[in-house]
Amino acid sequence: MGSKNKNKKSTRSIVSTQWINKYSLSLLGFLLWMCFFSRHNLMAQYKLSQTVASLEERKEDLKEQLVEVKKERESLENNIEKFARENYFMHKDNEEVFIIK
């Protein structure tokens, strides 16, 4: 019995050592390649995620501006004279304009 247990242990240690060396080195090499040398490395992914976040913020800002511009356009279409008087200080010939800030 002692020799059978010894053979099992030695066989397991040999198999596990070969498996760890062969596959772990391949996995380690792949991870190193993907993390540092690949075109899609960790730094590039981080920069891309930062770019995506800033573009999403910009998109939200532009949506807000779009809503404001649509409101302004509607008010312009409804009352052109009021818009011109308030924004460009236009007046009729017989009127005086006083600007109060």
C-alpha atoms as a PDB file:
ATOM      1  CA  MET A   1       0.000   0.000   0.000  1.00  0.00           C
ATOM      2  CA  GLY A   2       2.793   2.361   0.750  1.00  0.00           C
ATOM      3  CA  SER A   3       4.194   2.176  -2.776  1.00  0.00           C
ATOM      4  CA  LYS A   4       0.764   2.744  -4.348  1.00  0.00           C
ATOM      5  CA  ASN A   5       0.237   5.929  -2.328  1.00  0.00           C
ATOM      6  CA  LYS A   6       3.741   7.062  -3.190  1.00  0.00           C
ATOM      7  CA  ASN A   7       3.110   6.505  -6.916  1.00  0.00           C
ATOM      8  CA  LYS A   8      -0.199   8.358  -6.783  1.00  0.00           C
ATOM      9  CA  LYS A   9       1.391  11.322  -5.042  1.00  0.00           C
ATOM     10  CA  SER A  10       4.355  11.434  -7.371  1.00  0.00           C
ATOM     11  CA  THR A  11       2.088  11.082 -10.418  1.00  0.00           C
ATOM     12  CA  ARG A  12      -0.198  13.853  -9.156  1.00  0.00           C
ATOM     13  CA  SER A  13       2.707  16.140  -8.418  1.00  0.00           C
ATOM     14  CA  ILE A  14       4.205  15.544 -11.858  1.00  0.00           C
ATOM     15  CA  VAL A  15       0.885  16.081 -13.623  1.00  0.00           C
ATOM     16  CA  SER A  16       0.007  19.172 -11.595  1.00  0.00           C
ATOM     17  CA  THR A  17       3.513  20.598 -12.081  1.00  0.00           C
ATOM     18  CA  GLN A  18       3.309  20.083 -15.839  1.00  0.00           C
ATOM     19  CA  TRP A  19      -0.204  21.484 -15.965  1.00  0.00           C
ATOM     20  CA  ILE A  20       0.723  24.528 -13.897  1.00  0.00           C
ATOM     21  CA  ASN A  21       3.842  25.218 -15.933  1.00  0.00           C
ATOM     22  CA  LYS A  22       2.334  24.664 -19.350  1.00  0.00           C
ATOM     23  CA  TYR A  23      -1.043  26.352 -18.919  1.00  0.00           C
ATOM     24  CA  SER A  24      -0.179  28.945 -16.342  1.00  0.00           C
ATOM     25  CA  LEU A  25       2.717  30.241 -18.439  1.00  0.00           C
ATOM     26  CA  SER A  26       0.439  30.411 -21.483  1.00  0.00           C
ATOM     27  CA  LEU A  27      -2.199  32.251 -19.466  1.00  0.00           C
ATOM     28  CA  LEU A  28       0.392  34.563 -17.944  1.00  0.00           C
ATOM     29  CA  GLY A  29       1.820  35.325 -21.378  1.00  0.00           C
ATOM     30  CA  PHE A  30      -1.640  36.034 -22.763  1.00  0.00           C
ATOM     31  CA  LEU A  31      -2.525  38.321 -19.849  1.00  0.00           C
ATOM     32  CA  LEU A  32       0.746  40.215 -20.182  1.00  0.00           C
ATOM     33  CA  TRP A  33       0.176  40.630 -23.884  1.00  0.00           C
ATOM     34  CA  MET A  34      -3.397  41.882 -23.413  1.00  0.00           C
ATOM     35  CA  CYS A  35      -2.516  44.172 -20.508  1.00  0.00           C
ATOM     36  CA  PHE A  36       0.576  45.867 -21.868  1.00  0.00           C
ATOM     37  CA  PHE A  37       1.471  45.118 -25.477  1.00  0.00           C
ATOM     38  CA  SER A  38      -1.810  44.782 -27.307  1.00  0.00           C
ATOM     39  CA  ARG A  39      -3.508  47.616 -29.106  1.00  0.00           C
ATOM     40  CA  HIS A  40      -6.414  47.060 -26.706  1.00  0.00           C
ATOM     41  CA  ASN A  41      -4.334  47.206 -23.526  1.00  0.00           C
ATOM     42  CA  LEU A  42      -5.523  48.403 -20.138  1.00  0.00           C
ATOM     43  CA  MET A  43      -4.386  52.004 -20.628  1.00  0.00           C
ATOM     44  CA  ALA A  44      -6.175  52.266 -23.958  1.00  0.00           C
ATOM     45  CA  GLN A  45      -9.343  50.824 -22.434  1.00  0.00           C
ATOM     46  CA  TYR A  46      -9.156  53.308 -19.557  1.00  0.00           C
ATOM     47  CA  LYS A  47      -8.712  56.232 -21.945  1.00  0.00           C
ATOM     48  CA  LEU A  48     -11.609  55.014 -24.064  1.00  0.00           C
ATOM     49  CA  SER A  49     -13.872  54.711 -21.038  1.00  0.00           C
ATOM     50  CA  GLN A  50     -12.941  58.267 -19.996  1.00  0.00           C
ATOM     51  CA  THR A  51     -13.720  59.491 -23.505  1.00  0.00           C
ATOM     52  CA  VAL A  52     -17.067  57.718 -23.485  1.00  0.00           C
ATOM     53  CA  ALA A  53     -17.950  59.265 -20.123  1.00  0.00           C
ATOM     54  CA  SER A  54     -17.047  62.780 -21.285  1.00  0.00           C
ATOM     55  CA  LEU A  55     -18.986  62.308 -24.525  1.00  0.00           C
ATOM     56  CA  GLU A  56     -22.049  61.156 -22.599  1.00  0.00           C
ATOM     57  CA  GLU A  57     -21.827  64.278 -20.407  1.00  0.00           C
ATOM     58  CA  ARG A  58     -21.497  66.407 -23.531  1.00  0.00           C
ATOM     59  CA  LYS A  59     -24.522  64.645 -25.017  1.00  0.00           C
ATOM     60  CA  GLU A  60     -26.623  65.516 -21.958  1.00  0.00           C
ATOM     61  CA  ASP A  61     -25.486  69.156 -22.136  1.00  0.00           C
ATOM     62  CA  LEU A  62     -26.381  69.315 -25.812  1.00  0.00           C
ATOM     63  CA  LYS A  63     -29.802  67.828 -25.113  1.00  0.00           C
ATOM     64  CA  GLU A  64     -30.436  70.587 -22.558  1.00  0.00           C
ATOM     65  CA  GLN A  65     -29.274  73.225 -25.031  1.00  0.00           C
ATOM     66  CA  LEU A  66     -31.536  71.726 -27.680  1.00  0.00           C
ATOM     67  CA  VAL A  67     -34.554  72.085 -25.400  1.00  0.00           C
ATOM     68  CA  GLU A  68     -33.660  75.729 -24.705  1.00  0.00           C
ATOM     69  CA  VAL A  69     -33.148  76.480 -28.389  1.00  0.00           C
ATOM     70  CA  LYS A  70     -36.474  74.880 -29.280  1.00  0.00           C
ATOM     71  CA  LYS A  71     -38.239  77.063 -26.699  1.00  0.00           C
ATOM     72  CA  GLU A  72     -36.477  80.151 -28.033  1.00  0.00           C
ATOM     73  CA  ARG A  73     -37.375  79.221 -31.603  1.00  0.00           C
ATOM     74  CA  GLU A  74     -41.019  78.792 -30.667  1.00  0.00           C
ATOM     75  CA  SER A  75     -41.102  82.182 -28.944  1.00  0.00           C
ATOM     76  CA  LEU A  76     -39.413  83.706 -31.983  1.00  0.00           C
ATOM     77  CA  GLU A  77     -41.976  82.216 -34.321  1.00  0.00           C
ATOM     78  CA  ASN A  78     -44.831  83.439 -32.127  1.00  0.00           C
ATOM     79  CA  ASN A  79     -43.653  87.010 -31.603  1.00  0.00           C
ATOM     80  CA  ILE A  80     -40.842  88.230 -33.848  1.00  0.00           C
ATOM     81  CA  GLU A  81     -41.202  91.888 -32.861  1.00  0.00           C
ATOM     82  CA  LYS A  82     -40.882  91.180 -29.123  1.00  0.00           C
ATOM     83  CA  PHE A  83     -37.822  89.002 -29.749  1.00  0.00           C
ATOM     84  CA  ALA A  84     -36.132  91.711 -31.833  1.00  0.00           C
ATOM     85  CA  ARG A  85     -36.869  94.395 -29.254  1.00  0.00           C
ATOM     86  CA  GLU A  86     -35.599  92.372 -26.294  1.00  0.00           C
ATOM     87  CA  ASN A  87     -32.529  90.770 -27.843  1.00  0.00           C
ATOM     88  CA  TYR A  88     -31.353  93.312 -30.401  1.00  0.00           C
ATOM     89  CA  PHE A  89     -32.751  96.545 -28.854  1.00  0.00           C
ATOM     90  CA  MET A  90     -34.614  97.441 -32.017  1.00  0.00           C
ATOM     91  CA  HIS A  91     -37.178 100.202 -31.887  1.00  0.00           C
ATOM     92  CA  LYS A  92     -39.503 102.156 -34.074  1.00  0.00           C
ATOM     93  CA  ASP A  93     -38.549 105.567 -35.409  1.00  0.00           C
ATOM     94  CA  ASN A  94     -40.648 107.533 -32.955  1.00  0.00           C
ATOM     95  CA  GLU A  95     -39.602 105.545 -29.852  1.00  0.00           C
ATOM     96  CA  GLU A  96     -36.757 105.936 -27.406  1.00  0.00           C
ATOM     97  CA  VAL A  97     -35.107 102.895 -25.854  1.00  0.00           C
ATOM     98  CA  PHE A  98     -33.780 102.933 -22.309  1.00  0.00           C
ATOM     99  CA  ILE A  99     -31.580 100.022 -21.304  1.00  0.00           C
ATOM    100  CA  ILE A 100     -31.657  99.220 -17.609  1.00  0.00           C
ATOM    101  CA  LYS A 101     -29.265  96.630 -16.268  1.00  0.00           C
END
